[in-house]
Amino acid sequence: MKISARNVFKGTVKAIRPGFVNTEVTLELPGGTEIVSAITKSSAERLGLAIGKSASAVIKSNEVLVMVD
């Protein structure tokens, strides 16, 4: 997958906290740094996020997106 954003941080899903509308996803990067993002519940389900699964935080301007290969 190619993307225009320059800030892509690969990590592992450490925590998933679903809510009624949004889901809070915590990614652990190599070295232990954590990035937390709030994405829609449907996006979290569509991405098939699970604890221990590889995922990336994509940071562009004022947004943090989560993607998987």
PDB file of N, CA and C in Angstrom:
ATOM      1  N   MET A   1       0.845  -1.170   0.000  1.00  0.00           N
ATOM      2  CA  MET A   1       0.000   0.000   0.000  1.00  0.00           C
ATOM      3  C   MET A   1       0.892   1.236   0.000  1.00  0.00           C
ATOM      4  N   LYS A   2       0.576   2.206  -0.823  1.00  0.00           N
ATOM      5  CA  LYS A   2       1.289   3.472  -0.857  1.00  0.00           C
ATOM      6  C   LYS A   2       0.371   4.552  -0.310  1.00  0.00           C
ATOM      7  N   ILE A   3       0.983   5.538   0.377  1.00  0.00           N
ATOM      8  CA  ILE A   3       0.200   6.614   0.985  1.00  0.00           C
ATOM      9  C   ILE A   3       1.017   7.904   0.925  1.00  0.00           C
ATOM     10  N   SER A   4       0.354   9.042   0.824  1.00  0.00           N
ATOM     11  CA  SER A   4       1.056  10.316   0.694  1.00  0.00           C
ATOM     12  C   SER A   4       1.590  10.848   2.021  1.00  0.00           C
ATOM     13  N   ALA A   5       1.046  10.402   3.121  1.00  0.00           N
ATOM     14  CA  ALA A   5       1.498  10.885   4.428  1.00  0.00           C
ATOM     15  C   ALA A   5       2.937  10.444   4.677  1.00  0.00           C
ATOM     16  N   ARG A   6       3.729  11.315   5.267  1.00  0.00           N
ATOM     17  CA  ARG A   6       5.132  11.004   5.520  1.00  0.00           C
ATOM     18  C   ARG A   6       5.366  10.395   6.885  1.00  0.00           C
ATOM     19  N   ASN A   7       4.437  10.560   7.777  1.00  0.00           N
ATOM     20  CA  ASN A   7       4.613  10.074   9.146  1.00  0.00           C
ATOM     21  C   ASN A   7       3.818   8.802   9.351  1.00  0.00           C
ATOM     22  N   VAL A   8       4.464   7.670   9.128  1.00  0.00           N
ATOM     23  CA  VAL A   8       3.835   6.365   9.301  1.00  0.00           C
ATOM     24  C   VAL A   8       4.644   5.616  10.354  1.00  0.00           C
ATOM     25  N   PHE A   9       3.971   5.217  11.426  1.00  0.00           N
ATOM     26  CA  PHE A   9       4.630   4.530  12.531  1.00  0.00           C
ATOM     27  C   PHE A   9       4.055   3.121  12.650  1.00  0.00           C
ATOM     28  N   LYS A  10       4.885   2.120  12.373  1.00  0.00           N
ATOM     29  CA  LYS A  10       4.451   0.728  12.463  1.00  0.00           C
ATOM     30  C   LYS A  10       4.561   0.250  13.897  1.00  0.00           C
ATOM     31  N   GLY A  11       3.540  -0.473  14.323  1.00  0.00           N
ATOM     32  CA  GLY A  11       3.533  -0.972  15.690  1.00  0.00           C
ATOM     33  C   GLY A  11       2.620  -2.165  15.842  1.00  0.00           C
ATOM     34  N   THR A  12       2.250  -2.429  17.078  1.00  0.00           N
ATOM     35  CA  THR A  12       1.403  -3.558  17.431  1.00  0.00           C
ATOM     36  C   THR A  12       0.230  -3.046  18.269  1.00  0.00           C
ATOM     37  N   VAL A  13      -0.957  -3.563  17.998  1.00  0.00           N
ATOM     38  CA  VAL A  13      -2.136  -3.166  18.766  1.00  0.00           C
ATOM     39  C   VAL A  13      -1.967  -3.661  20.203  1.00  0.00           C
ATOM     40  N   LYS A  14      -1.971  -2.711  21.141  1.00  0.00           N
ATOM     41  CA  LYS A  14      -1.800  -3.044  22.557  1.00  0.00           C
ATOM     42  C   LYS A  14      -3.132  -3.058  23.303  1.00  0.00           C
ATOM     43  N   ALA A  15      -4.033  -2.143  22.923  1.00  0.00           N
ATOM     44  CA  ALA A  15      -5.325  -2.056  23.613  1.00  0.00           C
ATOM     45  C   ALA A  15      -6.394  -1.577  22.640  1.00  0.00           C
ATOM     46  N   ILE A  16      -7.610  -2.060  22.865  1.00  0.00           N
ATOM     47  CA  ILE A  16      -8.783  -1.644  22.092  1.00  0.00           C
ATOM     48  C   ILE A  16      -9.887  -1.378  23.097  1.00  0.00           C
ATOM     49  N   ARG A  17     -10.385  -0.139  23.107  1.00  0.00           N
ATOM     50  CA  ARG A  17     -11.452   0.229  24.044  1.00  0.00           C
ATOM     51  C   ARG A  17     -12.659   0.713  23.246  1.00  0.00           C
ATOM     52  N   PRO A  18     -13.597  -0.196  22.952  1.00  0.00           N
ATOM     53  CA  PRO A  18     -14.760   0.195  22.155  1.00  0.00           C
ATOM     54  C   PRO A  18     -15.745   1.031  22.963  1.00  0.00           C
ATOM     55  N   GLY A  19     -16.357   1.980  22.280  1.00  0.00           N
ATOM     56  CA  GLY A  19     -17.421   2.790  22.860  1.00  0.00           C
ATOM     57  C   GLY A  19     -18.663   2.633  22.003  1.00  0.00           C
ATOM     58  N   PHE A  20     -19.654   3.477  22.226  1.00  0.00           N
ATOM     59  CA  PHE A  20     -20.887   3.390  21.440  1.00  0.00           C
ATOM     60  C   PHE A  20     -20.673   3.802  19.989  1.00  0.00           C
ATOM     61  N   VAL A  21     -19.837   4.834  19.762  1.00  0.00           N
ATOM     62  CA  VAL A  21     -19.603   5.343  18.412  1.00  0.00           C
ATOM     63  C   VAL A  21     -18.146   5.168  18.003  1.00  0.00           C
ATOM     64  N   ASN A  22     -17.225   5.526  18.887  1.00  0.00           N
ATOM     65  CA  ASN A  22     -15.797   5.469  18.586  1.00  0.00           C
ATOM     66  C   ASN A  22     -15.108   4.361  19.369  1.00  0.00           C
ATOM     67  N   THR A  23     -13.954   3.957  18.867  1.00  0.00           N
ATOM     68  CA  THR A  23     -13.111   2.979  19.536  1.00  0.00           C
ATOM     69  C   THR A  23     -11.744   3.611  19.731  1.00  0.00           C
ATOM     70  N   GLU A  24     -11.203   3.503  20.932  1.00  0.00           N
ATOM     71  CA  GLU A  24      -9.866   4.007  21.230  1.00  0.00           C
ATOM     72  C   GLU A  24      -8.880   2.869  21.011  1.00  0.00           C
ATOM     73  N   VAL A  25      -7.895   3.104  20.157  1.00  0.00           N
ATOM     74  CA  VAL A  25      -6.905   2.089  19.809  1.00  0.00           C
ATOM     75  C   VAL A  25      -5.533   2.563  20.268  1.00  0.00           C
ATOM     76  N   THR A  26      -4.821   1.721  20.999  1.00  0.00           N
ATOM     77  CA  THR A  26      -3.461   2.023  21.436  1.00  0.00           C
ATOM     78  C   THR A  26      -2.499   1.135  20.666  1.00  0.00           C
ATOM     79  N   LEU A  27      -1.547   1.768  19.979  1.00  0.00           N
ATOM     80  CA  LEU A  27      -0.485   1.045  19.286  1.00  0.00           C
ATOM     81  C   LEU A  27       0.802   1.210  20.065  1.00  0.00           C
ATOM     82  N   GLU A  28       1.538   0.112  20.221  1.00  0.00           N
ATOM     83  CA  GLU A  28       2.854   0.178  20.846  1.00  0.00           C
ATOM     84  C   GLU A  28       3.898   0.097  19.744  1.00  0.00           C
ATOM     85  N   LEU A  29       4.771   1.097  19.702  1.00  0.00           N
ATOM     86  CA  LEU A  29       5.823   1.152  18.699  1.00  0.00           C
ATOM     87  C   LEU A  29       7.061   0.441  19.215  1.00  0.00           C
ATOM     88  N   PRO A  30       7.977   0.069  18.323  1.00  0.00           N
ATOM     89  CA  PRO A  30       9.240  -0.490  18.796  1.00  0.00           C
ATOM     90  C   PRO A  30       9.899   0.493  19.762  1.00  0.00           C
ATOM     91  N   GLY A  31      10.395   0.004  20.865  1.00  0.00           N
ATOM     92  CA  GLY A  31      10.980   0.878  21.875  1.00  0.00           C
ATOM     93  C   GLY A  31      10.009   1.223  22.986  1.00  0.00           C
ATOM     94  N   GLY A  32       8.721   0.870  22.814  1.00  0.00           N
ATOM     95  CA  GLY A  32       7.757   1.056  23.888  1.00  0.00           C
ATOM     96  C   GLY A  32       6.899   2.303  23.834  1.00  0.00           C
ATOM     97  N   THR A  33       7.150   3.213  22.910  1.00  0.00           N
ATOM     98  CA  THR A  33       6.313   4.398  22.781  1.00  0.00           C
ATOM     99  C   THR A  33       4.909   3.974  22.355  1.00  0.00           C
ATOM    100  N   GLU A  34       3.894   4.632  22.901  1.00  0.00           N
ATOM    101  CA  GLU A  34       2.515   4.317  22.560  1.00  0.00           C
ATOM    102  C   GLU A  34       1.851   5.494  21.850  1.00  0.00           C
ATOM    103  N   ILE A  35       1.023   5.175  20.882  1.00  0.00           N
ATOM    104  CA  ILE A  35       0.202   6.161  20.183  1.00  0.00           C
ATOM    105  C   ILE A  35      -1.249   5.731  20.351  1.00  0.00           C
ATOM    106  N   VAL A  36      -2.103   6.669  20.745  1.00  0.00           N
ATOM    107  CA  VAL A  36      -3.519   6.373  20.950  1.00  0.00           C
ATOM    108  C   VAL A  36      -4.328   7.152  19.917  1.00  0.00           C
ATOM    109  N   SER A  37      -5.277   6.469  19.296  1.00  0.00           N
ATOM    110  CA  SER A  37      -6.130   7.102  18.297  1.00  0.00           C
ATOM    111  C   SER A  37      -7.582   6.730  18.555  1.00  0.00           C
ATOM    112  N   ALA A  38      -8.473   7.662  18.321  1.00  0.00           N
ATOM    113  CA  ALA A  38      -9.912   7.392  18.384  1.00  0.00           C
ATOM    114  C   ALA A  38     -10.409   7.283  16.951  1.00  0.00           C
ATOM    115  N   ILE A  39     -10.919   6.107  16.605  1.00  0.00           N
ATOM    116  CA  ILE A  39     -11.469   5.880  15.271  1.00  0.00           C
ATOM    117  C   ILE A  39     -12.913   5.400  15.436  1.00  0.00           C
ATOM    118  N   THR A  40     -13.671   5.432  14.353  1.00  0.00           N
ATOM    119  CA  THR A  40     -15.054   4.980  14.471  1.00  0.00           C
ATOM    120  C   THR A  40     -15.093   3.488  14.786  1.00  0.00           C
ATOM    121  N   LYS A  41     -16.137   3.092  15.460  1.00  0.00           N
ATOM    122  CA  LYS A  41     -16.318   1.687  15.817  1.00  0.00           C
ATOM    123  C   LYS A  41     -16.355   0.827  14.555  1.00  0.00           C
ATOM    124  N   SER A  42     -17.032   1.313  13.527  1.00  0.00           N
ATOM    125  CA  SER A  42     -17.127   0.539  12.284  1.00  0.00           C
ATOM    126  C   SER A  42     -15.768   0.399  11.605  1.00  0.00           C
ATOM    127  N   SER A  43     -14.919   1.421  11.688  1.00  0.00           N
ATOM    128  CA  SER A  43     -13.577   1.318  11.114  1.00  0.00           C
ATOM    129  C   SER A  43     -12.744   0.280  11.850  1.00  0.00           C
ATOM    130  N   ALA A  44     -12.835   0.269  13.164  1.00  0.00           N
ATOM    131  CA  ALA A  44     -12.093  -0.713  13.957  1.00  0.00           C
ATOM    132  C   ALA A  44     -12.525  -2.125  13.577  1.00  0.00           C
ATOM    133  N   GLU A  45     -13.828  -2.324  13.390  1.00  0.00           N
ATOM    134  CA  GLU A  45     -14.332  -3.639  12.999  1.00  0.00           C
ATOM    135  C   GLU A  45     -13.886  -4.001  11.590  1.00  0.00           C
ATOM    136  N   ARG A  46     -13.960  -3.037  10.666  1.00  0.00           N
ATOM    137  CA  ARG A  46     -13.581  -3.279   9.267  1.00  0.00           C
ATOM    138  C   ARG A  46     -12.099  -3.623   9.146  1.00  0.00           C
ATOM    139  N   LEU A  47     -11.254  -2.986   9.973  1.00  0.00           N
ATOM    140  CA  LEU A  47      -9.816  -3.263   9.949  1.00  0.00           C
ATOM    141  C   LEU A  47      -9.465  -4.593  10.608  1.00  0.00           C
ATOM    142  N   GLY A  48     -10.404  -5.154  11.334  1.00  0.00           N
ATOM    143  CA  GLY A  48     -10.138  -6.424  12.002  1.00  0.00           C
ATOM    144  C   GLY A  48      -9.091  -6.295  13.090  1.00  0.00           C
ATOM    145  N   LEU A  49      -9.103  -5.165  13.789  1.00  0.00           N
ATOM    146  CA  LEU A  49      -8.099  -4.931  14.826  1.00  0.00           C
ATOM    147  C   LEU A  49      -8.230  -5.952  15.950  1.00  0.00           C
ATOM    148  N   ALA A  50      -7.078  -6.386  16.443  1.00  0.00           N
ATOM    149  CA  ALA A  50      -7.040  -7.342  17.550  1.00  0.00           C
ATOM    150  C   ALA A  50      -5.738  -7.120  18.310  1.00  0.00           C
ATOM    151  N   ILE A  51      -5.754  -7.395  19.594  1.00  0.00           N
ATOM    152  CA  ILE A  51      -4.550  -7.266  20.411  1.00  0.00           C
ATOM    153  C   ILE A  51      -3.447  -8.120  19.793  1.00  0.00           C
ATOM    154  N   GLY A  52      -2.260  -7.518  19.653  1.00  0.00           N
ATOM    155  CA  GLY A  52      -1.112  -8.229  19.101  1.00  0.00           C
ATOM    156  C   GLY A  52      -0.976  -8.138  17.592  1.00  0.00           C
ATOM    157  N   LYS A  53      -2.001  -7.624  16.906  1.00  0.00           N
ATOM    158  CA  LYS A  53      -1.962  -7.509  15.453  1.00  0.00           C
ATOM    159  C   LYS A  53      -1.103  -6.310  15.049  1.00  0.00           C
ATOM    160  N   SER A  54      -0.355  -6.444  13.972  1.00  0.00           N
ATOM    161  CA  SER A  54       0.433  -5.334  13.446  1.00  0.00           C
ATOM    162  C   SER A  54      -0.495  -4.293  12.826  1.00  0.00           C
ATOM    163  N   ALA A  55      -0.179  -3.039  13.058  1.00  0.00           N
ATOM    164  CA  ALA A  55      -0.945  -1.933  12.481  1.00  0.00           C
ATOM    165  C   ALA A  55      -0.029  -0.720  12.427  1.00  0.00           C
ATOM    166  N   SER A  56      -0.429   0.287  11.712  1.00  0.00           N
ATOM    167  CA  SER A  56       0.367   1.505  11.589  1.00  0.00           C
ATOM    168  C   SER A  56      -0.461   2.722  11.941  1.00  0.00           C
ATOM    169  N   ALA A  57       0.180   3.680  12.583  1.00  0.00           N
ATOM    170  CA  ALA A  57      -0.425   4.985  12.837  1.00  0.00           C
ATOM    171  C   ALA A  57       0.056   5.909  11.729  1.00  0.00           C
ATOM    172  N   VAL A  58      -0.875   6.535  11.042  1.00  0.00           N
ATOM    173  CA  VAL A  58      -0.557   7.448   9.952  1.00  0.00           C
ATOM    174  C   VAL A  58      -0.938   8.841  10.415  1.00  0.00           C
ATOM    175  N   ILE A  59       0.057   9.713  10.500  1.00  0.00           N
ATOM    176  CA  ILE A  59      -0.184  11.065  11.006  1.00  0.00           C
ATOM    177  C   ILE A  59       0.000  12.052   9.866  1.00  0.00           C
ATOM    178  N   LYS A  60      -1.073  12.757   9.560  1.00  0.00           N
ATOM    179  CA  LYS A  60      -1.040  13.784   8.530  1.00  0.00           C
ATOM    180  C   LYS A  60      -1.751  15.011   9.081  1.00  0.00           C
ATOM    181  N   SER A  61      -1.044  16.090   9.151  1.00  0.00           N
ATOM    182  CA  SER A  61      -1.594  17.336   9.663  1.00  0.00           C
ATOM    183  C   SER A  61      -2.115  17.135  11.082  1.00  0.00           C
ATOM    184  N   ASN A  62      -3.409  17.268  11.295  1.00  0.00           N
ATOM    185  CA  ASN A  62      -3.963  17.168  12.649  1.00  0.00           C
ATOM    186  C   ASN A  62      -4.727  15.871  12.884  1.00  0.00           C
ATOM    187  N   GLU A  63      -4.513  14.852  12.054  1.00  0.00           N
ATOM    188  CA  GLU A  63      -5.244  13.610  12.199  1.00  0.00           C
ATOM    189  C   GLU A  63      -4.290  12.437  12.401  1.00  0.00           C
ATOM    190  N   VAL A  64      -4.747  11.443  13.137  1.00  0.00           N
ATOM    191  CA  VAL A  64      -4.028  10.180  13.274  1.00  0.00           C
ATOM    192  C   VAL A  64      -4.946   9.090  12.763  1.00  0.00           C
ATOM    193  N   LEU A  65      -4.497   8.400  11.731  1.00  0.00           N
ATOM    194  CA  LEU A  65      -5.270   7.323  11.122  1.00  0.00           C
ATOM    195  C   LEU A  65      -4.605   5.993  11.463  1.00  0.00           C
ATOM    196  N   VAL A  66      -5.353   4.921  11.443  1.00  0.00           N
ATOM    197  CA  VAL A  66      -4.810   3.591  11.681  1.00  0.00           C
ATOM    198  C   VAL A  66      -5.018   2.765  10.423  1.00  0.00           C
ATOM    199  N   MET A  67      -3.975   2.013  10.007  1.00  0.00           N
ATOM    200  CA  MET A  67      -4.122   1.170   8.823  1.00  0.00           C
ATOM    201  C   MET A  67      -3.460  -0.176   9.073  1.00  0.00           C
ATOM    202  N   VAL A  68      -3.884  -1.152   8.314  1.00  0.00           N
ATOM    203  CA  VAL A  68      -3.267  -2.469   8.327  1.00  0.00           C
ATOM    204  C   VAL A  68      -3.019  -2.881   6.886  1.00  0.00           C
ATOM    205  N   ASP A  69      -2.073  -3.782   6.689  1.00  0.00           N
ATOM    206  CA  ASP A  69      -1.797  -4.281   5.329  1.00  0.00           C
ATOM    207  C   ASP A  69      -2.785  -5.349   4.953  1.00  0.00           C
TER     208      ASP A  69
END
